[in-house]
Amino acid sequence: MDHLAPALHDLVARWPDPARRHFLAARGIILDVSETAQIGPLDESLKWGQPAWRPRRPRTGVTLRLDWSDKTPDRLMAFVDCKTDLASQMSTRFPGKFHNDGRRALAFDLKDPLPGDAIAQLAQLAFTYYRLKT
């Protein structure tokens, strides 16, 4: 959990090992996408008590959050802005790959391998959301 801001480190350190492993793998994918897609630096913070990433450059993209909760202990959750169509786009692009409410939440089962391709596309779509709308 190197290079995590103290607030994120303290939060994630309390999660069970499977959630922490999925989170760290997803975070790595998110940071790689930011670099390879030339999105620019991301702000990494806690938003609503959840690890969150957003492009620093204004009007580029929307926030992507990840969270684990004891309310859904077998899943790592990803959240996007509910005013976007990102969750429904992910359902279309990756049918049956994860649980999706079609509005803002995507859930990845901790017992399954993390779908890196889906995380990468979700990150790229989120971080370029406004760029793609113009």
N, C-alpha and C. Protein backbone atom coordinates (compact mmCIF):
# COMPACT_ATOMS: atom_id res chain seq x y z
N MET A 1 0.84 -1.20 0.00
CA MET A 1 0.00 0.00 0.00
C MET A 1 0.87 1.25 0.00
N ASP A 2 2.03 1.08 -0.62
CA ASP A 2 2.94 2.21 -0.75
C ASP A 2 2.30 3.33 -1.54
N HIS A 3 2.70 4.51 -1.24
CA HIS A 3 2.31 5.71 -1.96
C HIS A 3 0.83 6.07 -1.84
N LEU A 4 0.13 5.51 -0.88
CA LEU A 4 -1.24 5.92 -0.61
C LEU A 4 -1.21 7.08 0.37
N ALA A 5 -2.04 8.07 0.14
CA ALA A 5 -2.17 9.16 1.11
C ALA A 5 -2.58 8.56 2.46
N PRO A 6 -2.15 9.16 3.56
CA PRO A 6 -2.44 8.58 4.88
C PRO A 6 -3.92 8.28 5.13
N ALA A 7 -4.81 9.15 4.71
CA ALA A 7 -6.24 8.91 4.94
C ALA A 7 -6.72 7.68 4.18
N LEU A 8 -6.27 7.52 2.94
CA LEU A 8 -6.64 6.34 2.16
C LEU A 8 -6.01 5.09 2.75
N HIS A 9 -4.75 5.18 3.12
CA HIS A 9 -4.05 4.04 3.71
C HIS A 9 -4.77 3.56 4.95
N ASP A 10 -5.13 4.48 5.83
CA ASP A 10 -5.80 4.11 7.09
C ASP A 10 -7.14 3.44 6.83
N LEU A 11 -7.87 3.92 5.84
CA LEU A 11 -9.17 3.32 5.50
C LEU A 11 -8.99 1.92 4.93
N VAL A 12 -8.18 1.79 3.91
CA VAL A 12 -8.02 0.53 3.20
C VAL A 12 -7.35 -0.53 4.08
N ALA A 13 -6.51 -0.10 4.99
CA ALA A 13 -5.84 -1.05 5.91
C ALA A 13 -6.84 -1.80 6.78
N ARG A 14 -8.02 -1.24 6.98
CA ARG A 14 -9.05 -1.88 7.80
C ARG A 14 -9.90 -2.88 7.01
N TRP A 15 -9.77 -2.89 5.70
CA TRP A 15 -10.56 -3.78 4.86
C TRP A 15 -9.98 -5.19 4.91
N PRO A 16 -10.80 -6.21 4.63
CA PRO A 16 -10.27 -7.58 4.56
C PRO A 16 -9.32 -7.72 3.36
N ASP A 17 -8.45 -8.72 3.44
CA ASP A 17 -7.42 -8.90 2.40
C ASP A 17 -7.97 -8.96 0.98
N PRO A 18 -9.04 -9.71 0.69
CA PRO A 18 -9.53 -9.76 -0.70
C PRO A 18 -9.96 -8.37 -1.21
N ALA A 19 -10.61 -7.59 -0.36
CA ALA A 19 -11.04 -6.25 -0.77
C ALA A 19 -9.83 -5.36 -0.99
N ARG A 20 -8.86 -5.44 -0.11
CA ARG A 20 -7.65 -4.63 -0.23
C ARG A 20 -6.89 -5.00 -1.51
N ARG A 21 -6.76 -6.29 -1.81
CA ARG A 21 -6.06 -6.72 -3.03
C ARG A 21 -6.77 -6.21 -4.29
N HIS A 22 -8.09 -6.37 -4.33
CA HIS A 22 -8.86 -5.87 -5.49
C HIS A 22 -8.72 -4.35 -5.61
N PHE A 23 -8.80 -3.66 -4.47
CA PHE A 23 -8.67 -2.21 -4.49
C PHE A 23 -7.32 -1.78 -5.05
N LEU A 24 -6.25 -2.38 -4.54
CA LEU A 24 -4.91 -1.98 -4.98
C LEU A 24 -4.70 -2.29 -6.46
N ALA A 25 -5.23 -3.41 -6.93
CA ALA A 25 -5.13 -3.73 -8.36
C ALA A 25 -5.93 -2.73 -9.18
N ALA A 26 -7.13 -2.41 -8.74
CA ALA A 26 -7.97 -1.43 -9.46
C ALA A 26 -7.31 -0.05 -9.45
N ARG A 27 -6.75 0.34 -8.32
CA ARG A 27 -6.07 1.64 -8.22
C ARG A 27 -4.91 1.69 -9.21
N GLY A 28 -4.14 0.62 -9.30
CA GLY A 28 -3.04 0.59 -10.26
C GLY A 28 -3.53 0.77 -11.69
N ILE A 29 -4.63 0.12 -12.03
CA ILE A 29 -5.21 0.26 -13.36
C ILE A 29 -5.66 1.69 -13.59
N ILE A 30 -6.32 2.27 -12.61
CA ILE A 30 -6.82 3.65 -12.71
C ILE A 30 -5.66 4.61 -12.95
N LEU A 31 -4.59 4.48 -12.19
CA LEU A 31 -3.43 5.37 -12.36
C LEU A 31 -2.75 5.14 -13.70
N ASP A 32 -2.68 3.89 -14.16
CA ASP A 32 -2.09 3.60 -15.47
C ASP A 32 -2.92 4.23 -16.59
N VAL A 33 -4.24 4.13 -16.49
CA VAL A 33 -5.11 4.71 -17.51
C VAL A 33 -4.90 6.22 -17.59
N SER A 34 -4.78 6.85 -16.45
CA SER A 34 -4.57 8.30 -16.42
C SER A 34 -3.31 8.68 -17.19
N GLU A 35 -2.27 7.87 -17.04
CA GLU A 35 -1.01 8.15 -17.71
C GLU A 35 -1.06 7.80 -19.20
N THR A 36 -1.52 6.60 -19.53
CA THR A 36 -1.48 6.16 -20.92
C THR A 36 -2.50 6.87 -21.81
N ALA A 37 -3.62 7.31 -21.24
CA ALA A 37 -4.63 8.01 -22.03
C ALA A 37 -4.39 9.51 -22.05
N GLN A 38 -3.26 9.94 -21.50
CA GLN A 38 -2.88 11.36 -21.47
C GLN A 38 -3.97 12.23 -20.85
N ILE A 39 -4.51 11.74 -19.76
CA ILE A 39 -5.54 12.48 -19.03
C ILE A 39 -4.90 13.54 -18.16
N GLY A 40 -3.68 13.29 -17.76
CA GLY A 40 -2.99 14.22 -16.88
C GLY A 40 -3.11 13.75 -15.45
N PRO A 41 -2.58 14.54 -14.53
CA PRO A 41 -2.60 14.11 -13.14
C PRO A 41 -4.02 14.01 -12.59
N LEU A 42 -4.16 13.08 -11.64
CA LEU A 42 -5.44 12.90 -10.96
C LEU A 42 -5.32 13.41 -9.54
N ASP A 43 -6.40 13.91 -9.01
CA ASP A 43 -6.51 14.15 -7.58
C ASP A 43 -6.99 12.85 -6.97
N GLU A 44 -6.27 12.36 -5.99
CA GLU A 44 -6.65 11.15 -5.26
C GLU A 44 -7.00 11.60 -3.85
N SER A 45 -8.21 11.29 -3.42
CA SER A 45 -8.67 11.78 -2.12
C SER A 45 -9.78 10.87 -1.60
N LEU A 46 -10.29 11.25 -0.45
CA LEU A 46 -11.52 10.61 0.05
C LEU A 46 -12.67 11.54 -0.30
N LYS A 47 -13.67 11.00 -0.94
CA LYS A 47 -14.88 11.75 -1.24
C LYS A 47 -16.04 10.95 -0.70
N TRP A 48 -16.80 11.52 0.18
CA TRP A 48 -17.88 10.82 0.89
C TRP A 48 -17.32 9.61 1.63
N GLY A 49 -16.10 9.74 2.11
CA GLY A 49 -15.49 8.67 2.88
C GLY A 49 -14.99 7.50 2.04
N GLN A 50 -14.92 7.69 0.72
CA GLN A 50 -14.50 6.64 -0.19
C GLN A 50 -13.30 7.10 -1.02
N PRO A 51 -12.36 6.21 -1.30
CA PRO A 51 -11.25 6.58 -2.19
C PRO A 51 -11.81 7.05 -3.53
N ALA A 52 -11.27 8.17 -4.01
CA ALA A 52 -11.81 8.79 -5.22
C ALA A 52 -10.69 9.38 -6.06
N TRP A 53 -10.91 9.40 -7.38
CA TRP A 53 -9.97 9.96 -8.34
C TRP A 53 -10.74 10.85 -9.29
N ARG A 54 -10.11 11.98 -9.65
CA ARG A 54 -10.71 12.92 -10.59
C ARG A 54 -9.58 13.64 -11.31
N PRO A 55 -9.71 13.87 -12.60
CA PRO A 55 -8.68 14.63 -13.31
C PRO A 55 -8.54 16.04 -12.73
N ARG A 56 -7.32 16.50 -12.60
CA ARG A 56 -7.09 17.86 -12.09
C ARG A 56 -7.51 18.91 -13.11
N ARG A 57 -7.33 18.58 -14.39
CA ARG A 57 -7.69 19.54 -15.43
C ARG A 57 -9.21 19.71 -15.45
N PRO A 58 -9.69 20.95 -15.34
CA PRO A 58 -11.15 21.17 -15.30
C PRO A 58 -11.86 20.70 -16.58
N ARG A 59 -13.10 20.31 -16.39
CA ARG A 59 -13.99 19.91 -17.48
C ARG A 59 -13.40 18.82 -18.37
N THR A 60 -12.66 17.91 -17.74
CA THR A 60 -12.11 16.77 -18.46
C THR A 60 -12.98 15.55 -18.22
N GLY A 61 -13.22 15.24 -16.94
CA GLY A 61 -13.97 14.04 -16.62
C GLY A 61 -14.64 14.14 -15.27
N VAL A 62 -15.21 13.03 -14.86
CA VAL A 62 -15.95 12.95 -13.59
C VAL A 62 -15.19 12.08 -12.60
N THR A 63 -15.62 12.14 -11.37
CA THR A 63 -15.00 11.38 -10.29
C THR A 63 -15.35 9.91 -10.39
N LEU A 64 -14.38 9.08 -10.10
CA LEU A 64 -14.56 7.64 -9.98
C LEU A 64 -14.19 7.28 -8.55
N ARG A 65 -15.08 6.57 -7.86
CA ARG A 65 -14.83 6.18 -6.47
C ARG A 65 -14.86 4.66 -6.36
N LEU A 66 -14.09 4.13 -5.41
CA LEU A 66 -14.12 2.71 -5.08
C LEU A 66 -14.40 2.60 -3.59
N ASP A 67 -15.08 1.53 -3.20
CA ASP A 67 -15.34 1.34 -1.78
C ASP A 67 -15.64 -0.12 -1.48
N TRP A 68 -15.34 -0.49 -0.27
CA TRP A 68 -15.74 -1.77 0.29
C TRP A 68 -16.54 -1.45 1.54
N SER A 69 -17.58 -2.24 1.79
CA SER A 69 -18.42 -2.01 2.96
C SER A 69 -18.82 -3.35 3.55
N ASP A 70 -18.98 -3.37 4.87
CA ASP A 70 -19.44 -4.62 5.48
C ASP A 70 -20.92 -4.88 5.15
N LYS A 71 -21.59 -3.91 4.52
CA LYS A 71 -22.97 -4.13 4.06
C LYS A 71 -23.00 -5.03 2.82
N THR A 72 -21.94 -4.97 2.03
CA THR A 72 -21.76 -5.85 0.86
C THR A 72 -20.34 -6.43 0.95
N PRO A 73 -20.10 -7.31 1.91
CA PRO A 73 -18.73 -7.73 2.21
C PRO A 73 -18.04 -8.56 1.13
N ASP A 74 -18.79 -9.08 0.18
CA ASP A 74 -18.21 -9.91 -0.87
C ASP A 74 -17.94 -9.15 -2.16
N ARG A 75 -18.05 -7.81 -2.11
CA ARG A 75 -17.91 -7.02 -3.33
C ARG A 75 -17.09 -5.75 -3.09
N LEU A 76 -16.36 -5.38 -4.12
CA LEU A 76 -15.75 -4.06 -4.19
C LEU A 76 -16.64 -3.24 -5.09
N MET A 77 -17.02 -2.07 -4.64
CA MET A 77 -17.95 -1.24 -5.39
C MET A 77 -17.21 -0.11 -6.10
N ALA A 78 -17.64 0.21 -7.30
CA ALA A 78 -17.18 1.38 -8.04
C ALA A 78 -18.39 2.28 -8.23
N PHE A 79 -18.19 3.57 -8.06
CA PHE A 79 -19.28 4.54 -8.20
C PHE A 79 -18.88 5.64 -9.17
N VAL A 80 -19.83 6.02 -10.02
CA VAL A 80 -19.66 7.14 -10.94
C VAL A 80 -20.80 8.12 -10.70
N ASP A 81 -20.67 9.29 -11.27
CA ASP A 81 -21.69 10.33 -11.15
C ASP A 81 -23.01 9.80 -11.72
N CYS A 82 -24.08 9.89 -10.93
CA CYS A 82 -25.37 9.36 -11.36
C CYS A 82 -26.01 10.19 -12.48
N LYS A 83 -25.46 11.38 -12.76
CA LYS A 83 -26.00 12.21 -13.84
C LYS A 83 -25.38 11.84 -15.19
N THR A 84 -24.50 10.85 -15.18
CA THR A 84 -23.89 10.38 -16.43
C THR A 84 -24.55 9.07 -16.86
N ASP A 85 -24.18 8.62 -18.04
CA ASP A 85 -24.67 7.33 -18.53
C ASP A 85 -23.58 6.26 -18.43
N LEU A 86 -22.56 6.50 -17.60
CA LEU A 86 -21.41 5.60 -17.54
C LEU A 86 -21.77 4.20 -17.08
N ALA A 87 -22.60 4.08 -16.06
CA ALA A 87 -22.96 2.74 -15.56
C ALA A 87 -23.72 1.96 -16.63
N SER A 88 -24.62 2.61 -17.33
CA SER A 88 -25.35 1.88 -18.39
C SER A 88 -24.43 1.56 -19.56
N GLN A 89 -23.47 2.43 -19.87
CA GLN A 89 -22.49 2.11 -20.92
C GLN A 89 -21.70 0.86 -20.55
N MET A 90 -21.35 0.76 -19.28
CA MET A 90 -20.57 -0.41 -18.84
C MET A 90 -21.39 -1.69 -18.95
N SER A 91 -22.69 -1.61 -18.68
CA SER A 91 -23.56 -2.78 -18.85
C SER A 91 -23.58 -3.25 -20.29
N THR A 92 -23.60 -2.30 -21.21
CA THR A 92 -23.62 -2.62 -22.63
C THR A 92 -22.28 -3.20 -23.07
N ARG A 93 -21.20 -2.61 -22.61
CA ARG A 93 -19.87 -3.03 -23.03
C ARG A 93 -19.43 -4.36 -22.40
N PHE A 94 -19.89 -4.62 -21.17
CA PHE A 94 -19.47 -5.81 -20.43
C PHE A 94 -20.67 -6.51 -19.81
N PRO A 95 -21.57 -7.04 -20.63
CA PRO A 95 -22.76 -7.69 -20.07
C PRO A 95 -22.39 -8.88 -19.19
N GLY A 96 -22.96 -8.88 -17.99
CA GLY A 96 -22.78 -9.99 -17.07
C GLY A 96 -21.43 -10.07 -16.39
N LYS A 97 -20.56 -9.10 -16.62
CA LYS A 97 -19.20 -9.16 -16.05
C LYS A 97 -19.18 -8.76 -14.58
N PHE A 98 -20.16 -7.96 -14.15
CA PHE A 98 -20.23 -7.49 -12.78
C PHE A 98 -21.66 -7.05 -12.51
N HIS A 99 -21.96 -6.79 -11.27
CA HIS A 99 -23.29 -6.30 -10.89
C HIS A 99 -23.34 -4.81 -11.20
N ASN A 100 -24.45 -4.36 -11.75
CA ASN A 100 -24.56 -2.98 -12.19
C ASN A 100 -25.98 -2.51 -11.95
N ASP A 101 -26.12 -1.39 -11.25
CA ASP A 101 -27.47 -0.85 -11.03
C ASP A 101 -27.93 0.01 -12.20
N GLY A 102 -27.07 0.20 -13.21
CA GLY A 102 -27.45 0.96 -14.40
C GLY A 102 -27.45 2.46 -14.19
N ARG A 103 -27.18 2.92 -12.99
CA ARG A 103 -27.23 4.35 -12.70
C ARG A 103 -25.89 4.89 -12.21
N ARG A 104 -25.32 4.25 -11.17
CA ARG A 104 -24.07 4.79 -10.63
C ARG A 104 -23.16 3.76 -9.99
N ALA A 105 -23.64 2.58 -9.72
CA ALA A 105 -22.85 1.60 -8.96
C ALA A 105 -22.56 0.36 -9.77
N LEU A 106 -21.30 -0.08 -9.70
CA LEU A 106 -20.86 -1.33 -10.30
C LEU A 106 -20.18 -2.12 -9.19
N ALA A 107 -20.49 -3.40 -9.09
CA ALA A 107 -19.96 -4.22 -8.01
C ALA A 107 -19.16 -5.39 -8.58
N PHE A 108 -17.96 -5.55 -8.05
CA PHE A 108 -17.06 -6.61 -8.49
C PHE A 108 -16.95 -7.63 -7.38
N ASP A 109 -17.29 -8.89 -7.67
CA ASP A 109 -17.21 -9.95 -6.67
C ASP A 109 -15.75 -10.20 -6.29
N LEU A 110 -15.49 -10.25 -5.01
CA LEU A 110 -14.13 -10.46 -4.51
C LEU A 110 -13.63 -11.87 -4.76
N LYS A 111 -14.55 -12.82 -4.95
CA LYS A 111 -14.12 -14.20 -5.21
C LYS A 111 -13.70 -14.41 -6.66
N ASP A 112 -14.04 -13.47 -7.53
CA ASP A 112 -13.68 -13.56 -8.94
C ASP A 112 -12.45 -12.71 -9.23
N PRO A 113 -11.70 -13.04 -10.27
CA PRO A 113 -10.60 -12.17 -10.66
C PRO A 113 -11.14 -10.78 -11.01
N LEU A 114 -10.39 -9.76 -10.68
CA LEU A 114 -10.79 -8.40 -11.00
C LEU A 114 -10.81 -8.23 -12.52
N PRO A 115 -11.92 -7.76 -13.09
CA PRO A 115 -11.97 -7.56 -14.55
C PRO A 115 -11.22 -6.29 -14.94
N GLY A 116 -9.91 -6.44 -15.12
CA GLY A 116 -9.06 -5.29 -15.40
C GLY A 116 -9.47 -4.52 -16.63
N ASP A 117 -9.93 -5.22 -17.67
CA ASP A 117 -10.35 -4.53 -18.88
C ASP A 117 -11.56 -3.63 -18.61
N ALA A 118 -12.47 -4.07 -17.79
CA ALA A 118 -13.64 -3.27 -17.45
C ALA A 118 -13.25 -2.07 -16.59
N ILE A 119 -12.37 -2.29 -15.62
CA ILE A 119 -11.91 -1.17 -14.78
C ILE A 119 -11.20 -0.13 -15.63
N ALA A 120 -10.36 -0.58 -16.55
CA ALA A 120 -9.64 0.35 -17.43
C ALA A 120 -10.60 1.17 -18.28
N GLN A 121 -11.59 0.51 -18.87
CA GLN A 121 -12.55 1.26 -19.69
C GLN A 121 -13.39 2.21 -18.85
N LEU A 122 -13.80 1.76 -17.66
CA LEU A 122 -14.57 2.63 -16.78
C LEU A 122 -13.75 3.87 -16.42
N ALA A 123 -12.49 3.67 -16.06
CA ALA A 123 -11.64 4.81 -15.71
C ALA A 123 -11.48 5.75 -16.90
N GLN A 124 -11.21 5.21 -18.07
CA GLN A 124 -11.02 6.07 -19.24
C GLN A 124 -12.30 6.82 -19.58
N LEU A 125 -13.43 6.15 -19.53
CA LEU A 125 -14.70 6.83 -19.83
C LEU A 125 -15.00 7.91 -18.79
N ALA A 126 -14.75 7.61 -17.52
CA ALA A 126 -15.02 8.59 -16.47
C ALA A 126 -14.10 9.80 -16.59
N PHE A 127 -12.82 9.55 -16.79
CA PHE A 127 -11.84 10.64 -16.78
C PHE A 127 -11.84 11.47 -18.06
N THR A 128 -12.50 11.01 -19.10
CA THR A 128 -12.60 11.77 -20.36
C THR A 128 -14.06 12.11 -20.68
N TYR A 129 -14.93 12.00 -19.71
CA TYR A 129 -16.36 12.14 -19.94
C TYR A 129 -16.71 13.45 -20.66
N TYR A 130 -16.20 14.57 -20.19
CA TYR A 130 -16.53 15.86 -20.81
C TYR A 130 -15.78 16.06 -22.12
N ARG A 131 -14.60 15.53 -22.20
CA ARG A 131 -13.82 15.61 -23.43
C ARG A 131 -14.56 14.90 -24.55
N LEU A 132 -15.20 13.78 -24.24
CA LEU A 132 -15.93 13.01 -25.24
C LEU A 132 -17.26 13.65 -25.61
N LYS A 133 -17.80 14.48 -24.73
CA LYS A 133 -19.10 15.11 -24.99
C LYS A 133 -19.00 16.31 -25.90
N THR A 134 -17.80 16.83 -26.12
CA THR A 134 -17.66 18.02 -26.96
C THR A 134 -17.42 17.66 -28.40
